[in-house]
Amino acid sequence: MKYELKDEYIELYKLIKFLDLVDSGADAKMIVADGHVMRNGEQELRKRAKIRKGDTLVIGDTTIEVI
């Protein structure tokens, strides 16, 4: 899946919620805190990590390319 970034960055948990990968912002924060998010091949534990163009996220079976 591709996500076209309109601004300089988006916070990780907001992106997860925006893409409807979870039901709520609280659920998005929980899957990040529980270590279920990979960013550019490394585990990302910061809920408010600034996701920018060029980043690739893997959340479960979903891969997201930020363009």
PDB file of N, CA and C in Angstrom:
ATOM      1  N   MET A   1       0.846  -1.164   0.000  1.00  0.00           N
ATOM      2  CA  MET A   1       0.000   0.000   0.000  1.00  0.00           C
ATOM      3  C   MET A   1       0.896   1.232   0.000  1.00  0.00           C
ATOM      4  N   LYS A   2       0.450   2.261  -0.672  1.00  0.00           N
ATOM      5  CA  LYS A   2       1.199   3.515  -0.705  1.00  0.00           C
ATOM      6  C   LYS A   2       0.392   4.599  -0.008  1.00  0.00           C
ATOM      7  N   TYR A   3       1.103   5.468   0.716  1.00  0.00           N
ATOM      8  CA  TYR A   3       0.472   6.607   1.376  1.00  0.00           C
ATOM      9  C   TYR A   3       1.187   7.857   0.897  1.00  0.00           C
ATOM     10  N   GLU A   4       0.432   8.768   0.288  1.00  0.00           N
ATOM     11  CA  GLU A   4       1.021  10.013  -0.196  1.00  0.00           C
ATOM     12  C   GLU A   4       0.983  11.057   0.913  1.00  0.00           C
ATOM     13  N   LEU A   5       2.156  11.439   1.358  1.00  0.00           N
ATOM     14  CA  LEU A   5       2.291  12.404   2.438  1.00  0.00           C
ATOM     15  C   LEU A   5       2.095  13.810   1.903  1.00  0.00           C
ATOM     16  N   LYS A   6       1.188  14.555   2.519  1.00  0.00           N
ATOM     17  CA  LYS A   6       0.879  15.913   2.067  1.00  0.00           C
ATOM     18  C   LYS A   6       1.709  16.968   2.797  1.00  0.00           C
ATOM     19  N   ASP A   7       2.135  16.665   4.024  1.00  0.00           N
ATOM     20  CA  ASP A   7       2.893  17.598   4.844  1.00  0.00           C
ATOM     21  C   ASP A   7       4.340  17.123   4.963  1.00  0.00           C
ATOM     22  N   GLU A   8       5.108  17.782   5.825  1.00  0.00           N
ATOM     23  CA  GLU A   8       6.504  17.398   6.032  1.00  0.00           C
ATOM     24  C   GLU A   8       6.604  16.015   6.663  1.00  0.00           C
ATOM     25  N   TYR A   9       5.688  15.722   7.601  1.00  0.00           N
ATOM     26  CA  TYR A   9       5.684  14.424   8.282  1.00  0.00           C
ATOM     27  C   TYR A   9       4.304  14.164   8.862  1.00  0.00           C
ATOM     28  N   ILE A  10       4.098  12.909   9.304  1.00  0.00           N
ATOM     29  CA  ILE A  10       2.910  12.537  10.061  1.00  0.00           C
ATOM     30  C   ILE A  10       3.385  11.659  11.209  1.00  0.00           C
ATOM     31  N   GLU A  11       2.761  11.814  12.376  1.00  0.00           N
ATOM     32  CA  GLU A  11       3.137  10.984  13.508  1.00  0.00           C
ATOM     33  C   GLU A  11       2.658   9.559  13.256  1.00  0.00           C
ATOM     34  N   LEU A  12       3.472   8.602  13.682  1.00  0.00           N
ATOM     35  CA  LEU A  12       3.223   7.190  13.392  1.00  0.00           C
ATOM     36  C   LEU A  12       1.828   6.738  13.794  1.00  0.00           C
ATOM     37  N   TYR A  13       1.419   6.993  15.024  1.00  0.00           N
ATOM     38  CA  TYR A  13       0.117   6.487  15.461  1.00  0.00           C
ATOM     39  C   TYR A  13      -1.028   7.111  14.658  1.00  0.00           C
ATOM     40  N   LYS A  14      -0.856   8.369  14.239  1.00  0.00           N
ATOM     41  CA  LYS A  14      -1.895   9.025  13.435  1.00  0.00           C
ATOM     42  C   LYS A  14      -2.000   8.387  12.052  1.00  0.00           C
ATOM     43  N   LEU A  15      -0.872   8.003  11.481  1.00  0.00           N
ATOM     44  CA  LEU A  15      -0.878   7.339  10.174  1.00  0.00           C
ATOM     45  C   LEU A  15      -1.583   5.986  10.269  1.00  0.00           C
ATOM     46  N   ILE A  16      -1.279   5.234  11.299  1.00  0.00           N
ATOM     47  CA  ILE A  16      -1.905   3.919  11.489  1.00  0.00           C
ATOM     48  C   ILE A  16      -3.422   4.069  11.607  1.00  0.00           C
ATOM     49  N   LYS A  17      -3.858   5.055  12.377  1.00  0.00           N
ATOM     50  CA  LYS A  17      -5.293   5.294  12.542  1.00  0.00           C
ATOM     51  C   LYS A  17      -5.920   5.787  11.238  1.00  0.00           C
ATOM     52  N   PHE A  18      -5.250   6.717  10.553  1.00  0.00           N
ATOM     53  CA  PHE A  18      -5.766   7.280   9.307  1.00  0.00           C
ATOM     54  C   PHE A  18      -5.998   6.183   8.262  1.00  0.00           C
ATOM     55  N   LEU A  19      -5.101   5.198   8.211  1.00  0.00           N
ATOM     56  CA  LEU A  19      -5.218   4.118   7.227  1.00  0.00           C
ATOM     57  C   LEU A  19      -6.201   3.032   7.654  1.00  0.00           C
ATOM     58  N   ASP A  20      -6.902   3.242   8.774  1.00  0.00           N
ATOM     59  CA  ASP A  20      -7.897   2.287   9.292  1.00  0.00           C
ATOM     60  C   ASP A  20      -7.318   0.901   9.550  1.00  0.00           C
ATOM     61  N   LEU A  21      -6.061   0.857   9.993  1.00  0.00           N
ATOM     62  CA  LEU A  21      -5.466  -0.427  10.356  1.00  0.00           C
ATOM     63  C   LEU A  21      -5.891  -0.855  11.755  1.00  0.00           C
ATOM     64  N   VAL A  22      -6.446   0.099  12.515  1.00  0.00           N
ATOM     65  CA  VAL A  22      -6.958  -0.166  13.862  1.00  0.00           C
ATOM     66  C   VAL A  22      -8.261   0.610  14.032  1.00  0.00           C
ATOM     67  N   ASP A  23      -8.962   0.346  15.115  1.00  0.00           N
ATOM     68  CA  ASP A  23     -10.243   1.004  15.361  1.00  0.00           C
ATOM     69  C   ASP A  23     -10.115   2.371  16.018  1.00  0.00           C
ATOM     70  N   SER A  24      -9.022   2.585  16.771  1.00  0.00           N
ATOM     71  CA  SER A  24      -8.899   3.850  17.504  1.00  0.00           C
ATOM     72  C   SER A  24      -7.443   4.271  17.617  1.00  0.00           C
ATOM     73  N   GLY A  25      -7.259   5.527  17.999  1.00  0.00           N
ATOM     74  CA  GLY A  25      -5.910   6.021  18.244  1.00  0.00           C
ATOM     75  C   GLY A  25      -5.237   5.274  19.375  1.00  0.00           C
ATOM     76  N   ALA A  26      -6.016   4.888  20.383  1.00  0.00           N
ATOM     77  CA  ALA A  26      -5.463   4.129  21.509  1.00  0.00           C
ATOM     78  C   ALA A  26      -4.929   2.775  21.033  1.00  0.00           C
ATOM     79  N   ASP A  27      -5.657   2.128  20.120  1.00  0.00           N
ATOM     80  CA  ASP A  27      -5.191   0.849  19.561  1.00  0.00           C
ATOM     81  C   ASP A  27      -3.910   1.046  18.757  1.00  0.00           C
ATOM     82  N   ALA A  28      -3.830   2.152  18.027  1.00  0.00           N
ATOM     83  CA  ALA A  28      -2.627   2.443  17.243  1.00  0.00           C
ATOM     84  C   ALA A  28      -1.428   2.602  18.168  1.00  0.00           C
ATOM     85  N   LYS A  29      -1.611   3.346  19.249  1.00  0.00           N
ATOM     86  CA  LYS A  29      -0.514   3.536  20.206  1.00  0.00           C
ATOM     87  C   LYS A  29      -0.097   2.212  20.835  1.00  0.00           C
ATOM     88  N   MET A  30      -1.063   1.327  21.085  1.00  0.00           N
ATOM     89  CA  MET A  30      -0.773   0.046  21.711  1.00  0.00           C
ATOM     90  C   MET A  30       0.059  -0.854  20.794  1.00  0.00           C
ATOM     91  N   ILE A  31      -0.278  -0.926  19.493  1.00  0.00           N
ATOM     92  CA  ILE A  31       0.494  -1.821  18.630  1.00  0.00           C
ATOM     93  C   ILE A  31       1.915  -1.300  18.426  1.00  0.00           C
ATOM     94  N   VAL A  32       2.092   0.022  18.487  1.00  0.00           N
ATOM     95  CA  VAL A  32       3.451   0.570  18.413  1.00  0.00           C
ATOM     96  C   VAL A  32       4.210   0.207  19.686  1.00  0.00           C
ATOM     97  N   ALA A  33       3.611   0.451  20.837  1.00  0.00           N
ATOM     98  CA  ALA A  33       4.254   0.175  22.123  1.00  0.00           C
ATOM     99  C   ALA A  33       4.570  -1.307  22.294  1.00  0.00           C
ATOM    100  N   ASP A  34       3.746  -2.161  21.719  1.00  0.00           N
ATOM    101  CA  ASP A  34       3.950  -3.607  21.830  1.00  0.00           C
ATOM    102  C   ASP A  34       4.979  -4.137  20.839  1.00  0.00           C
ATOM    103  N   GLY A  35       5.545  -3.257  20.001  1.00  0.00           N
ATOM    104  CA  GLY A  35       6.624  -3.659  19.108  1.00  0.00           C
ATOM    105  C   GLY A  35       6.197  -4.294  17.802  1.00  0.00           C
ATOM    106  N   HIS A  36       4.977  -4.004  17.344  1.00  0.00           N
ATOM    107  CA  HIS A  36       4.467  -4.618  16.121  1.00  0.00           C
ATOM    108  C   HIS A  36       4.723  -3.798  14.856  1.00  0.00           C
ATOM    109  N   VAL A  37       5.519  -2.724  14.974  1.00  0.00           N
ATOM    110  CA  VAL A  37       5.757  -1.852  13.824  1.00  0.00           C
ATOM    111  C   VAL A  37       7.248  -1.859  13.474  1.00  0.00           C
ATOM    112  N   MET A  38       7.537  -2.104  12.203  1.00  0.00           N
ATOM    113  CA  MET A  38       8.899  -2.013  11.693  1.00  0.00           C
ATOM    114  C   MET A  38       8.963  -0.791  10.781  1.00  0.00           C
ATOM    115  N   ARG A  39      10.000   0.013  10.947  1.00  0.00           N
ATOM    116  CA  ARG A  39      10.203   1.208  10.120  1.00  0.00           C
ATOM    117  C   ARG A  39      11.577   1.098   9.479  1.00  0.00           C
ATOM    118  N   ASN A  40      11.593   1.028   8.170  1.00  0.00           N
ATOM    119  CA  ASN A  40      12.842   0.912   7.423  1.00  0.00           C
ATOM    120  C   ASN A  40      13.700  -0.238   7.944  1.00  0.00           C
ATOM    121  N   GLY A  41      13.041  -1.358   8.261  1.00  0.00           N
ATOM    122  CA  GLY A  41      13.741  -2.567   8.680  1.00  0.00           C
ATOM    123  C   GLY A  41      14.104  -2.649  10.151  1.00  0.00           C
ATOM    124  N   GLU A  42      13.728  -1.635  10.940  1.00  0.00           N
ATOM    125  CA  GLU A  42      14.034  -1.644  12.366  1.00  0.00           C
ATOM    126  C   GLU A  42      12.757  -1.432  13.169  1.00  0.00           C
ATOM    127  N   GLN A  43      12.706  -2.061  14.338  1.00  0.00           N
ATOM    128  CA  GLN A  43      11.527  -1.919  15.193  1.00  0.00           C
ATOM    129  C   GLN A  43      11.373  -0.461  15.624  1.00  0.00           C
ATOM    130  N   GLU A  44      10.157   0.052  15.525  1.00  0.00           N
ATOM    131  CA  GLU A  44       9.862   1.435  15.929  1.00  0.00           C
ATOM    132  C   GLU A  44       8.927   1.402  17.124  1.00  0.00           C
ATOM    133  N   LEU A  45       9.372   1.945  18.251  1.00  0.00           N
ATOM    134  CA  LEU A  45       8.587   1.932  19.484  1.00  0.00           C
ATOM    135  C   LEU A  45       8.065   3.308  19.873  1.00  0.00           C
ATOM    136  N   ARG A  46       8.403   4.329  19.096  1.00  0.00           N
ATOM    137  CA  ARG A  46       7.957   5.691  19.409  1.00  0.00           C
ATOM    138  C   ARG A  46       6.616   5.960  18.731  1.00  0.00           C
ATOM    139  N   LYS A  47       5.578   6.159  19.526  1.00  0.00           N
ATOM    140  CA  LYS A  47       4.232   6.388  18.992  1.00  0.00           C
ATOM    141  C   LYS A  47       4.167   7.645  18.137  1.00  0.00           C
ATOM    142  N   ARG A  48       4.933   8.646  18.508  1.00  0.00           N
ATOM    143  CA  ARG A  48       4.912   9.929  17.812  1.00  0.00           C
ATOM    144  C   ARG A  48       6.104  10.104  16.862  1.00  0.00           C
ATOM    145  N   ALA A  49       6.707   8.988  16.442  1.00  0.00           N
ATOM    146  CA  ALA A  49       7.819   9.066  15.484  1.00  0.00           C
ATOM    147  C   ALA A  49       7.353   9.811  14.238  1.00  0.00           C
ATOM    148  N   LYS A  50       8.193  10.683  13.727  1.00  0.00           N
ATOM    149  CA  LYS A  50       7.846  11.479  12.547  1.00  0.00           C
ATOM    150  C   LYS A  50       8.107  10.649  11.298  1.00  0.00           C
ATOM    151  N   ILE A  51       7.035  10.261  10.634  1.00  0.00           N
ATOM    152  CA  ILE A  51       7.123   9.468   9.418  1.00  0.00           C
ATOM    153  C   ILE A  51       7.214  10.428   8.240  1.00  0.00           C
ATOM    154  N   ARG A  52       8.235  10.228   7.417  1.00  0.00           N
ATOM    155  CA  ARG A  52       8.492  11.142   6.303  1.00  0.00           C
ATOM    156  C   ARG A  52       8.515  10.381   4.984  1.00  0.00           C
ATOM    157  N   LYS A  53       8.499  11.141   3.880  1.00  0.00           N
ATOM    158  CA  LYS A  53       8.585  10.527   2.550  1.00  0.00           C
ATOM    159  C   LYS A  53       9.819   9.646   2.486  1.00  0.00           C
ATOM    160  N   GLY A  54       9.650   8.486   1.870  1.00  0.00           N
ATOM    161  CA  GLY A  54      10.754   7.542   1.735  1.00  0.00           C
ATOM    162  C   GLY A  54      10.761   6.455   2.790  1.00  0.00           C
ATOM    163  N   ASP A  55       9.996   6.632   3.871  1.00  0.00           N
ATOM    164  CA  ASP A  55       9.922   5.609   4.914  1.00  0.00           C
ATOM    165  C   ASP A  55       9.067   4.439   4.434  1.00  0.00           C
ATOM    166  N   THR A  56       9.423   3.253   4.899  1.00  0.00           N
ATOM    167  CA  THR A  56       8.635   2.051   4.651  1.00  0.00           C
ATOM    168  C   THR A  56       8.281   1.451   6.002  1.00  0.00           C
ATOM    169  N   LEU A  57       7.003   1.193   6.201  1.00  0.00           N
ATOM    170  CA  LEU A  57       6.521   0.615   7.451  1.00  0.00           C
ATOM    171  C   LEU A  57       5.953  -0.765   7.193  1.00  0.00           C
ATOM    172  N   VAL A  58       6.166  -1.663   8.131  1.00  0.00           N
ATOM    173  CA  VAL A  58       5.544  -2.981   8.079  1.00  0.00           C
ATOM    174  C   VAL A  58       4.802  -3.167   9.397  1.00  0.00           C
ATOM    175  N   ILE A  59       3.500  -3.382   9.268  1.00  0.00           N
ATOM    176  CA  ILE A  59       2.641  -3.594  10.425  1.00  0.00           C
ATOM    177  C   ILE A  59       1.874  -4.877  10.158  1.00  0.00           C
ATOM    178  N   GLY A  60       2.247  -5.946  10.825  1.00  0.00           N
ATOM    179  CA  GLY A  60       1.652  -7.243  10.563  1.00  0.00           C
ATOM    180  C   GLY A  60       1.938  -7.661   9.133  1.00  0.00           C
ATOM    181  N   ASP A  61       0.893  -7.935   8.373  1.00  0.00           N
ATOM    182  CA  ASP A  61       1.034  -8.343   6.964  1.00  0.00           C
ATOM    183  C   ASP A  61       0.955  -7.159   6.017  1.00  0.00           C
ATOM    184  N   THR A  62       0.863  -5.949   6.544  1.00  0.00           N
ATOM    185  CA  THR A  62       0.688  -4.749   5.715  1.00  0.00           C
ATOM    186  C   THR A  62       1.995  -3.979   5.592  1.00  0.00           C
ATOM    187  N   THR A  63       2.378  -3.695   4.350  1.00  0.00           N
ATOM    188  CA  THR A  63       3.562  -2.862   4.095  1.00  0.00           C
ATOM    189  C   THR A  63       3.074  -1.533   3.530  1.00  0.00           C
ATOM    190  N   ILE A  64       3.590  -0.444   4.084  1.00  0.00           N
ATOM    191  CA  ILE A  64       3.172   0.895   3.685  1.00  0.00           C
ATOM    192  C   ILE A  64       4.402   1.654   3.191  1.00  0.00           C
ATOM    193  N   GLU A  65       4.340   2.125   1.959  1.00  0.00           N
ATOM    194  CA  GLU A  65       5.386   2.981   1.421  1.00  0.00           C
ATOM    195  C   GLU A  65       4.899   4.407   1.485  1.00  0.00           C
ATOM    196  N   VAL A  66       5.688   5.275   2.108  1.00  0.00           N
ATOM    197  CA  VAL A  66       5.315   6.691   2.230  1.00  0.00           C
ATOM    198  C   VAL A  66       5.965   7.439   1.066  1.00  0.00           C
ATOM    199  N   ILE A  67       5.107   8.048   0.246  1.00  0.00           N
ATOM    200  CA  ILE A  67       5.617   8.751  -0.948  1.00  0.00           C
ATOM    201  C   ILE A  67       5.246  10.223  -0.891  1.00  0.00           C
TER     202      ILE A  67
END
